[in-house]
């Protein structure tokens, strides 16, 4: 995981007010989902992959970093497993820091080609070590889940794709290259991207990305079934490969067990482990070896990946609905009053759907400043996005799902945007409602 970022302090009182407003507004929610039970992912198989990655690093200067022979050997190992299992694989080359990098993409035959569900992990390590937790764990678990798809001869409703990214440690280079190489028509076919970076930390926490409500719920439901509490993932927010997908409007989600942050006493009480120690004391160090893994966390998260692939990949698909869009730019004042952009709906009967899609494209230099609401024709506000002083990435390009079944469909709907902290600017580029 690449965690380098800048920090700043936002206006606490304004953020608190935004949070208070959110508490009083109806929330965005996901439509009910039908699930097909996933198989148990054998932890022994996942660890066998980790042993192979460790052996590759040991034989190649102690690491599997971008531009080093250990990385290419890692790609070759994963590709051979997938080819033998019946996947269609392709290796994508790119150049970074004067060296050739590689992404590996694997497609499972079948499923709706217009609804792609993808799971991925970065395969490179830093130069200082073998990178077994960071990120052999995510890579191995995604690989074993893909192999489980093959063993089950799964016939998903969505098209399943898996990816292993290069040069993540240099700034998400490989995943950015992949996403930027996709035509916009191909990007629009993604129903979701699931990211797994560091999922076997030796002093683990159980963190779930809170980006897409439906994907987040899928993971939380799994852990609720185990009786294991989760927390929202913040340490690596926007700093692993999911950011490359999120920034072009693809729904994302994922799991994480912690890096260099310290586990609190409250977290140790509910998860076990040692308070006052980092979740991974060997983060980006030479001691990140096969000895640097918590088997229980790795086992649970591997099973959670399979649960998500089976749940999200086999749910009934629905054809796209009618869309209504406003593409006129609306400036968002810096730390100022809220602004709105309107879409008029006419000619429909009855109420809005329980899964109203709200697609937003907001350009902004610090998206953590931005609060977004959908306003129904009667003025009811549905909170889409809260502010966050930790979210330093730019732009909000995503689709939210709102249960608007109590609202009359026809009328003037509005997207309301407000910048609640100083120093950054942006505008509503476009937004649309899909019924």
Protein backbone atom coordinates (compact mmCIF):
# COMPACT_ATOMS: atom_id res chain seq x y z
CA UNK A 1 0.00 0.00 0.00
CA UNK A 2 1.17 3.48 -0.88
CA UNK A 3 0.25 5.83 1.99
CA UNK A 4 2.11 9.03 1.14
CA UNK A 5 -0.25 12.02 1.34
CA UNK A 6 -0.56 15.58 2.51
CA UNK A 7 -2.63 16.51 5.55
CA UNK A 8 -4.46 19.60 6.69
CA UNK A 9 -6.98 20.60 9.33
CA UNK A 10 -10.49 21.48 8.17
CA UNK A 11 -12.86 23.80 10.01
CA UNK A 12 -14.08 21.53 12.80
CA UNK A 13 -17.23 23.47 13.64
CA UNK A 14 -18.41 23.46 10.03
CA UNK A 15 -17.67 19.77 9.65
CA UNK A 16 -19.58 19.04 12.84
CA UNK A 17 -22.55 20.99 11.51
CA UNK A 18 -22.40 19.02 8.25
CA UNK A 19 -22.44 15.80 10.24
CA UNK A 20 -25.45 17.04 12.25
CA UNK A 21 -27.32 17.85 9.07
CA UNK A 22 -26.51 14.39 7.73
CA UNK A 23 -27.99 12.78 10.82
CA UNK A 24 -31.34 14.41 10.15
CA UNK A 25 -31.52 13.58 6.44
CA UNK A 26 -32.70 10.30 4.90
CA UNK A 27 -29.69 8.25 3.81
CA UNK A 28 -28.75 6.73 0.50
CA UNK A 29 -29.46 3.01 0.54
CA UNK A 30 -29.05 -0.03 -1.66
CA UNK A 31 -31.68 -2.26 -3.17
CA UNK A 32 -32.16 -5.73 -1.64
CA UNK A 33 -29.81 -8.38 -3.00
CA UNK A 34 -30.18 -12.06 -3.65
CA UNK A 35 -27.12 -14.08 -2.64
CA UNK A 36 -25.71 -17.40 -3.80
CA UNK A 37 -23.65 -19.07 -1.09
CA UNK A 38 -19.92 -18.85 -1.67
CA UNK A 39 -17.48 -21.68 -0.96
CA UNK A 40 -15.00 -21.60 1.88
CA UNK A 41 -11.61 -20.43 0.62
CA UNK A 42 -8.94 -22.81 1.99
CA UNK A 43 -6.44 -20.79 4.01
CA UNK A 44 -3.82 -23.45 3.23
CA UNK A 45 -4.13 -22.65 -0.48
CA UNK A 46 -3.81 -18.90 0.12
CA UNK A 47 -0.71 -19.46 2.26
CA UNK A 48 0.77 -21.74 -0.39
CA UNK A 49 0.63 -18.78 -2.80
CA UNK A 50 2.31 -16.60 -0.17
CA UNK A 51 5.08 -19.17 0.22
CA UNK A 52 5.65 -19.05 -3.53
CA UNK A 53 5.83 -15.24 -3.50
CA UNK A 54 8.30 -15.43 -0.60
CA UNK A 55 10.44 -17.92 -2.54
CA UNK A 56 10.35 -15.67 -5.59
CA UNK A 57 11.54 -12.70 -3.52
CA UNK A 58 14.27 -14.73 -1.83
CA UNK A 59 15.58 -15.88 -5.21
CA UNK A 60 15.51 -12.35 -6.65
CA UNK A 61 17.32 -10.02 -4.28
CA UNK A 62 14.78 -10.16 -1.45
CA UNK A 63 11.93 -8.23 -3.07
CA UNK A 64 9.26 -8.22 -5.77
CA UNK A 65 9.42 -4.52 -6.61
CA UNK A 66 8.57 -2.76 -9.86
CA UNK A 67 11.32 -3.10 -12.42
CA UNK A 68 12.99 -5.94 -10.50
CA UNK A 69 13.05 -9.59 -11.64
CA UNK A 70 11.03 -10.67 -8.61
CA UNK A 71 8.02 -8.75 -9.83
CA UNK A 72 8.00 -10.27 -13.30
CA UNK A 73 8.42 -13.73 -11.73
CA UNK A 74 5.38 -13.00 -9.53
CA UNK A 75 3.31 -12.06 -12.60
CA UNK A 76 4.40 -15.27 -14.33
CA UNK A 77 3.42 -17.37 -11.31
CA UNK A 78 -0.09 -15.91 -11.02
CA UNK A 79 -0.68 -16.03 -14.78
CA UNK A 80 0.25 -19.71 -15.01
CA UNK A 81 -2.27 -20.59 -12.30
CA UNK A 82 -5.05 -18.67 -14.05
CA UNK A 83 -4.26 -20.01 -17.51
CA UNK A 84 -4.46 -23.56 -16.20
CA UNK A 85 -7.83 -22.79 -14.58
CA UNK A 86 -9.47 -21.65 -17.81
CA UNK A 87 -9.24 -17.87 -17.53
CA UNK A 88 -8.49 -15.62 -20.48
CA UNK A 89 -5.43 -13.66 -19.37
CA UNK A 90 -3.60 -10.67 -20.75
CA UNK A 91 -0.46 -8.85 -19.60
CA UNK A 92 -0.48 -5.08 -19.98
CA UNK A 93 2.89 -3.31 -20.16
CA UNK A 94 3.65 0.24 -19.09
CA UNK A 95 6.73 2.25 -18.23
CA UNK A 96 7.44 3.93 -14.90
CA UNK A 97 10.70 5.30 -13.49
CA UNK A 98 12.53 4.08 -16.57
CA UNK A 99 11.49 0.45 -16.09
CA UNK A 100 8.85 -1.76 -17.67
CA UNK A 101 5.90 -2.59 -15.47
CA UNK A 102 3.15 -5.17 -15.85
CA UNK A 103 -0.53 -5.53 -15.03
CA UNK A 104 -2.19 -8.93 -15.26
CA UNK A 105 -5.88 -9.11 -16.23
CA UNK A 106 -7.92 -12.32 -16.08
CA UNK A 107 -11.46 -12.73 -17.42
CA UNK A 108 -13.79 -15.58 -16.54
CA UNK A 109 -15.94 -16.65 -19.52
CA UNK A 110 -19.60 -15.68 -19.48
CA UNK A 111 -21.72 -13.20 -17.62
CA UNK A 112 -23.20 -9.97 -18.92
CA UNK A 113 -20.41 -8.16 -20.75
CA UNK A 114 -22.20 -4.88 -20.06
CA UNK A 115 -21.97 -5.42 -16.28
CA UNK A 116 -18.40 -6.11 -15.19
CA UNK A 117 -17.53 -6.95 -11.59
CA UNK A 118 -13.78 -6.75 -10.97
CA UNK A 119 -11.61 -7.67 -7.99
CA UNK A 120 -7.96 -6.68 -7.79
CA UNK A 121 -4.82 -6.26 -5.73
CA UNK A 122 -1.36 -4.84 -6.28
CA UNK A 123 1.30 -7.47 -6.75
CA UNK A 124 4.44 -5.37 -6.32
CA UNK A 125 6.40 -4.96 -3.09
CA UNK A 126 8.67 -2.17 -1.95
CA UNK A 127 12.39 -2.67 -2.59
CA UNK A 128 13.15 -3.26 1.09
CA UNK A 129 11.35 -6.60 1.43
CA UNK A 130 9.28 -9.44 0.06
CA UNK A 131 5.97 -7.63 0.62
CA UNK A 132 4.05 -10.63 1.92
CA UNK A 133 1.37 -8.76 3.85
CA UNK A 134 1.75 -5.71 1.59
CA UNK A 135 0.49 -7.01 -0.69
CA UNK A 136 1.03 -10.70 -1.13
CA UNK A 137 -2.05 -11.25 1.04
CA UNK A 138 -4.46 -9.39 -1.23
CA UNK A 139 -2.88 -10.86 -4.35
CA UNK A 140 -2.98 -14.42 -3.02
CA UNK A 141 -6.56 -14.18 -1.75
CA UNK A 142 -7.83 -12.73 -5.03
CA UNK A 143 -5.97 -15.47 -6.92
CA UNK A 144 -7.44 -18.24 -4.78
CA UNK A 145 -10.94 -16.75 -5.12
CA UNK A 146 -10.52 -16.74 -8.90
CA UNK A 147 -9.41 -20.37 -8.76
CA UNK A 148 -12.48 -21.15 -6.64
CA UNK A 149 -14.65 -19.64 -9.38
CA UNK A 150 -13.02 -22.09 -11.78
CA UNK A 151 -13.40 -25.08 -9.45
CA UNK A 152 -17.10 -24.29 -9.04
CA UNK A 153 -17.50 -23.58 -12.77
CA UNK A 154 -19.49 -20.58 -11.63
CA UNK A 155 -22.00 -19.15 -14.08
CA UNK A 156 -22.27 -15.54 -12.91
CA UNK A 157 -24.86 -13.07 -14.12
CA UNK A 158 -22.16 -10.40 -14.31
CA UNK A 159 -18.89 -10.72 -16.16
CA UNK A 160 -16.10 -11.46 -13.67
CA UNK A 161 -12.68 -9.90 -14.09
CA UNK A 162 -9.63 -10.05 -11.83
CA UNK A 163 -6.54 -7.83 -11.86
CA UNK A 164 -3.04 -7.69 -10.36
CA UNK A 165 -1.43 -4.25 -10.51
CA UNK A 166 2.16 -3.20 -10.91
CA UNK A 167 3.97 -0.17 -9.45
CA UNK A 168 1.32 0.60 -6.86
CA UNK A 169 4.08 1.49 -4.44
CA UNK A 170 5.23 4.21 -6.84
CA UNK A 171 1.83 5.92 -6.80
CA UNK A 172 -0.88 3.58 -8.14
CA UNK A 173 0.87 3.63 -11.52
CA UNK A 174 -0.34 0.31 -12.89
CA UNK A 175 -4.01 0.66 -12.00
CA UNK A 176 -4.07 4.24 -13.27
CA UNK A 177 -2.59 3.05 -16.55
CA UNK A 178 -5.23 0.34 -16.86
CA UNK A 179 -8.16 2.65 -16.10
CA UNK A 180 -6.85 5.37 -18.39
CA UNK A 181 -6.50 2.83 -21.20
CA UNK A 182 -10.20 1.99 -21.02
CA UNK A 183 -12.53 3.85 -23.39
CA UNK A 184 -15.36 5.62 -21.58
CA UNK A 185 -17.80 3.09 -23.01
CA UNK A 186 -15.87 0.30 -21.28
CA UNK A 187 -15.64 2.18 -17.99
CA UNK A 188 -19.42 2.56 -18.00
CA UNK A 189 -19.83 -1.23 -18.04
CA UNK A 190 -18.27 -1.67 -14.57
CA UNK A 191 -20.78 -2.45 -11.85
CA UNK A 192 -18.00 -2.35 -9.26
CA UNK A 193 -14.31 -2.75 -8.44
CA UNK A 194 -13.24 -4.52 -5.22
CA UNK A 195 -9.77 -3.79 -3.83
CA UNK A 196 -7.74 -5.87 -1.38
CA UNK A 197 -4.52 -4.38 -0.02
CA UNK A 198 -3.03 -5.73 3.23
CA UNK A 199 -5.65 -8.18 4.52
CA UNK A 200 -3.51 -10.32 6.85
CA UNK A 201 -1.81 -7.81 9.15
CA UNK A 202 -0.23 -9.49 12.21
CA UNK A 203 -2.06 -7.23 14.70
CA UNK A 204 -5.19 -6.93 12.60
CA UNK A 205 -8.20 -4.68 12.49
CA UNK A 206 -11.24 -5.33 10.35
CA UNK A 207 -11.77 -2.31 8.14
CA UNK A 208 -14.33 -1.92 5.33
CA UNK A 209 -14.24 0.76 2.63
CA UNK A 210 -17.29 3.05 2.83
CA UNK A 211 -17.33 4.24 -0.78
CA UNK A 212 -20.23 2.39 -2.43
CA UNK A 213 -23.19 1.59 -0.12
CA UNK A 214 -24.12 -1.69 -1.80
CA UNK A 215 -20.57 -3.07 -1.80
CA UNK A 216 -19.98 -1.87 1.75
CA UNK A 217 -23.16 -3.61 2.91
CA UNK A 218 -22.07 -6.86 1.26
CA UNK A 219 -18.87 -6.96 3.31
CA UNK A 220 -20.51 -5.76 6.52
CA UNK A 221 -23.22 -8.41 6.22
CA UNK A 222 -20.53 -11.08 5.92
CA UNK A 223 -18.78 -9.91 9.07
CA UNK A 224 -22.07 -9.51 10.93
CA UNK A 225 -22.67 -13.16 10.18
CA UNK A 226 -19.34 -14.00 11.82
CA UNK A 227 -20.08 -11.82 14.82
CA UNK A 228 -17.01 -9.70 14.07
CA UNK A 229 -17.40 -5.90 14.35
CA UNK A 230 -15.93 -3.73 11.60
CA UNK A 231 -14.83 -0.12 11.28
CA UNK A 232 -14.70 2.23 8.32
CA UNK A 233 -11.32 2.18 6.60
CA UNK A 234 -9.55 5.56 6.76
CA UNK A 235 -5.79 4.91 6.95
CA UNK A 236 -5.42 4.08 3.28
CA UNK A 237 -8.48 5.93 2.00
CA UNK A 238 -7.85 6.86 -1.62
CA UNK A 239 -4.26 5.63 -1.46
CA UNK A 240 -4.57 2.18 -2.95
CA UNK A 241 -5.67 1.04 -6.40
CA UNK A 242 -9.38 1.53 -5.79
CA UNK A 243 -8.73 5.28 -6.11
CA UNK A 244 -7.85 4.84 -9.79
CA UNK A 245 -11.30 3.38 -10.41
CA UNK A 246 -13.22 5.68 -8.08
CA UNK A 247 -11.79 8.76 -9.73
CA UNK A 248 -13.45 7.85 -13.05
CA UNK A 249 -16.83 7.10 -11.50
CA UNK A 250 -16.63 3.33 -10.99
CA UNK A 251 -18.21 2.12 -7.70
CA UNK A 252 -15.54 0.71 -5.38
CA UNK A 253 -15.20 -1.18 -2.13
CA UNK A 254 -12.74 -3.36 -0.29
CA UNK A 255 -11.12 -4.63 2.89
CA UNK A 256 -8.03 -3.73 4.92
CA UNK A 257 -6.42 -4.89 8.19
CA UNK A 258 -4.21 -1.90 8.96
CA UNK A 259 -0.68 -0.67 8.28
CA UNK A 260 1.49 1.65 10.39
CA UNK A 261 -1.24 3.20 12.54
CA UNK A 262 -1.43 2.10 16.16
CA UNK A 263 -4.19 -0.19 17.43
CA UNK A 264 -6.17 1.48 20.20
CA UNK A 265 -7.18 -0.19 23.44
CA UNK A 266 -10.81 -0.16 22.30
CA UNK A 267 -9.85 -1.88 19.06
CA UNK A 268 -7.77 -4.47 20.91
CA UNK A 269 -10.70 -5.15 23.21
CA UNK A 270 -13.07 -5.97 20.35
CA UNK A 271 -10.59 -7.59 17.92
CA UNK A 272 -7.86 -8.99 20.14
CA UNK A 273 -4.22 -8.28 19.50
CA UNK A 274 -1.99 -5.72 21.18
CA UNK A 275 -2.99 -2.14 21.84
CA UNK A 276 -0.30 0.50 21.45
CA UNK A 277 1.32 -1.42 18.59
CA UNK A 278 0.99 -0.87 14.86
CA UNK A 279 -1.40 -3.08 12.96
CA UNK A 280 1.66 -4.10 10.92
CA UNK A 281 5.01 -3.35 12.58
CA UNK A 282 6.77 -4.67 9.46
CA UNK A 283 4.98 -2.32 7.06
CA UNK A 284 7.34 -1.51 4.17
CA UNK A 285 10.19 -3.31 5.96
CA UNK A 286 12.40 -6.32 5.38
CA UNK A 287 10.51 -8.27 8.06
CA UNK A 288 7.35 -8.33 5.91
CA UNK A 289 7.75 -12.05 5.27
CA UNK A 290 5.53 -15.11 5.62
CA UNK A 291 6.09 -14.78 9.39
CA UNK A 292 4.28 -11.43 9.27
CA UNK A 293 0.75 -12.80 8.80
CA UNK A 294 -2.27 -13.33 11.03
CA UNK A 295 -3.91 -16.51 9.75
CA UNK A 296 -7.34 -15.76 11.22
CA UNK A 297 -7.59 -12.35 9.54
CA UNK A 298 -6.32 -13.72 6.25
CA UNK A 299 -8.79 -16.60 6.37
CA UNK A 300 -11.76 -14.37 7.21
CA UNK A 301 -10.92 -11.82 4.55
CA UNK A 302 -10.34 -14.48 1.89
CA UNK A 303 -13.79 -15.89 2.62
CA UNK A 304 -15.21 -12.34 2.53
CA UNK A 305 -13.80 -11.84 -0.96
CA UNK A 306 -15.49 -15.00 -2.19
CA UNK A 307 -18.73 -13.93 -0.49
CA UNK A 308 -18.64 -10.61 -2.35
CA UNK A 309 -17.86 -12.19 -5.72
CA UNK A 310 -20.64 -14.75 -5.35
CA UNK A 311 -23.15 -12.25 -3.94
CA UNK A 312 -22.52 -9.34 -6.29
CA UNK A 313 -21.56 -11.46 -9.29
CA UNK A 314 -24.63 -13.70 -9.33
CA UNK A 315 -27.38 -11.27 -8.35
CA UNK A 316 -30.10 -10.64 -10.95
CA UNK A 317 -29.10 -8.04 -13.50
CA UNK A 318 -31.43 -5.24 -14.44
CA UNK A 319 -31.54 -3.29 -17.69
CA UNK A 320 -30.59 0.39 -17.53
CA UNK A 321 -33.51 2.68 -16.82
CA UNK A 322 -34.50 6.08 -18.19
CA UNK A 323 -31.94 8.82 -17.47
CA UNK A 324 -32.45 12.56 -17.02
CA UNK A 325 -29.32 14.73 -17.00
CA UNK A 326 -28.24 18.31 -16.42
CA UNK A 327 -24.81 19.00 -17.91
CA UNK A 328 -24.68 22.74 -17.18
CA UNK A 329 -21.75 23.78 -14.96
CA UNK A 330 -22.59 25.26 -11.56
CA UNK A 331 -19.77 26.86 -9.57
CA UNK A 332 -19.45 25.79 -5.92
CA UNK A 333 -18.29 28.76 -3.77
CA UNK A 334 -15.24 28.07 -1.60
CA UNK A 335 -16.41 27.63 2.01
CA UNK A 336 -19.67 29.26 1.02
CA UNK A 337 -23.39 28.81 0.54
CA UNK A 338 -24.90 25.70 -0.98
CA UNK A 339 -25.75 25.69 -4.68
CA UNK A 340 -28.16 23.50 -6.64
CA UNK A 341 -28.58 22.06 -10.11
CA UNK A 342 -32.04 20.96 -11.25
CA UNK A 343 -33.47 18.10 -13.29
CA UNK A 344 -37.15 18.17 -14.23
CA UNK A 345 -38.96 14.85 -14.43
CA UNK A 346 -42.26 14.69 -16.29
CA UNK A 347 -44.50 12.10 -17.88
CA UNK A 348 -43.85 9.31 -15.37
CA UNK A 349 -46.50 7.59 -13.30
CA UNK A 350 -46.38 6.85 -9.60
CA UNK A 351 -43.44 7.22 -7.30
CA UNK A 352 -39.70 7.15 -7.80
CA UNK A 353 -37.99 3.74 -7.45
CA UNK A 354 -36.51 2.21 -4.33
CA UNK A 355 -33.18 2.15 -6.16
CA UNK A 356 -33.00 5.59 -7.74
CA UNK A 357 -29.54 6.08 -9.25
CA UNK A 358 -27.92 9.48 -8.74
CA UNK A 359 -24.87 9.89 -10.95
CA UNK A 360 -22.68 12.87 -10.03
CA UNK A 361 -19.65 14.45 -11.66
CA UNK A 362 -18.29 17.16 -9.37
CA UNK A 363 -14.87 18.61 -10.17
CA UNK A 364 -13.13 19.81 -7.01
CA UNK A 365 -9.54 20.23 -5.84
CA UNK A 366 -10.24 18.68 -2.39
CA UNK A 367 -13.36 16.54 -2.45
CA UNK A 368 -13.35 16.11 1.32
CA UNK A 369 -14.74 19.67 1.54
CA UNK A 370 -17.84 18.76 -0.45
CA UNK A 371 -21.24 17.80 0.98
CA UNK A 372 -23.84 16.50 -1.47
CA UNK A 373 -27.59 16.00 -1.10
CA UNK A 374 -30.37 14.96 -3.43
CA UNK A 375 -33.48 17.13 -2.97
CA UNK A 376 -36.81 15.57 -3.91
CA UNK A 377 -39.56 17.71 -5.46
CA UNK A 378 -41.17 18.17 -2.01
CA UNK A 379 -37.85 19.37 -0.54
CA UNK A 380 -36.90 16.17 1.28
CA UNK A 381 -33.10 15.90 1.45
CA UNK A 382 -31.26 12.62 0.91
CA UNK A 383 -27.66 12.77 2.05
CA UNK A 384 -25.31 11.42 -0.63
CA UNK A 385 -21.91 12.46 0.70
CA UNK A 386 -20.58 13.91 3.94
CA UNK A 387 -17.46 16.03 4.26
CA UNK A 388 -14.19 14.52 5.46
CA UNK A 389 -11.04 16.41 6.45
CA UNK A 390 -8.98 13.28 5.60
CA UNK A 391 -10.18 12.88 2.00
CA UNK A 392 -7.57 14.86 0.08
CA UNK A 393 -8.27 13.40 -3.37
CA UNK A 394 -9.88 15.48 -6.07
CA UNK A 395 -13.29 15.16 -7.77
CA UNK A 396 -16.46 13.27 -6.88
CA UNK A 397 -17.38 11.09 -9.83
CA UNK A 398 -19.64 8.27 -8.74
CA UNK A 399 -23.18 6.92 -8.62
CA UNK A 400 -25.26 6.79 -5.45
CA UNK A 401 -28.37 4.68 -4.84
CA UNK A 402 -31.28 6.26 -2.99
CA UNK A 403 -34.50 4.70 -1.75
CA UNK A 404 -36.89 7.36 -3.05
CA UNK A 405 -39.98 5.14 -3.20
CA UNK A 406 -41.93 7.54 -0.98
CA UNK A 407 -41.43 10.41 -3.43
CA UNK A 408 -43.56 11.33 -6.43
CA UNK A 409 -41.47 10.77 -9.53
CA UNK A 410 -42.55 13.88 -11.44
CA UNK A 411 -41.30 17.28 -10.42
CA UNK A 412 -38.08 19.23 -10.00
CA UNK A 413 -35.25 17.24 -8.42
CA UNK A 414 -32.10 19.02 -7.33
CA UNK A 415 -28.51 18.14 -6.58
CA UNK A 416 -27.32 20.36 -3.72
CA UNK A 417 -23.59 20.90 -3.23
CA UNK A 418 -21.76 22.84 -0.55
CA UNK A 419 -18.07 23.45 0.11
CA UNK A 420 -17.69 23.54 3.91
CA UNK A 421 -13.98 24.39 4.28
CA UNK A 422 -11.65 26.99 2.83
CA UNK A 423 -8.85 26.94 0.25
CA UNK A 424 -10.24 24.68 -2.49
CA UNK A 425 -12.68 25.22 -5.34
CA UNK A 426 -14.84 23.26 -7.72
CA UNK A 427 -18.07 23.00 -9.65
CA UNK A 428 -20.90 20.65 -10.54
CA UNK A 429 -19.91 19.41 -13.98
CA UNK A 430 -23.00 17.29 -14.54
CA UNK A 431 -25.40 14.97 -12.79
CA UNK A 432 -28.24 12.63 -13.73
CA UNK A 433 -31.09 10.58 -12.32
CA UNK A 434 -31.73 7.07 -13.62
CA UNK A 435 -35.18 5.59 -12.93
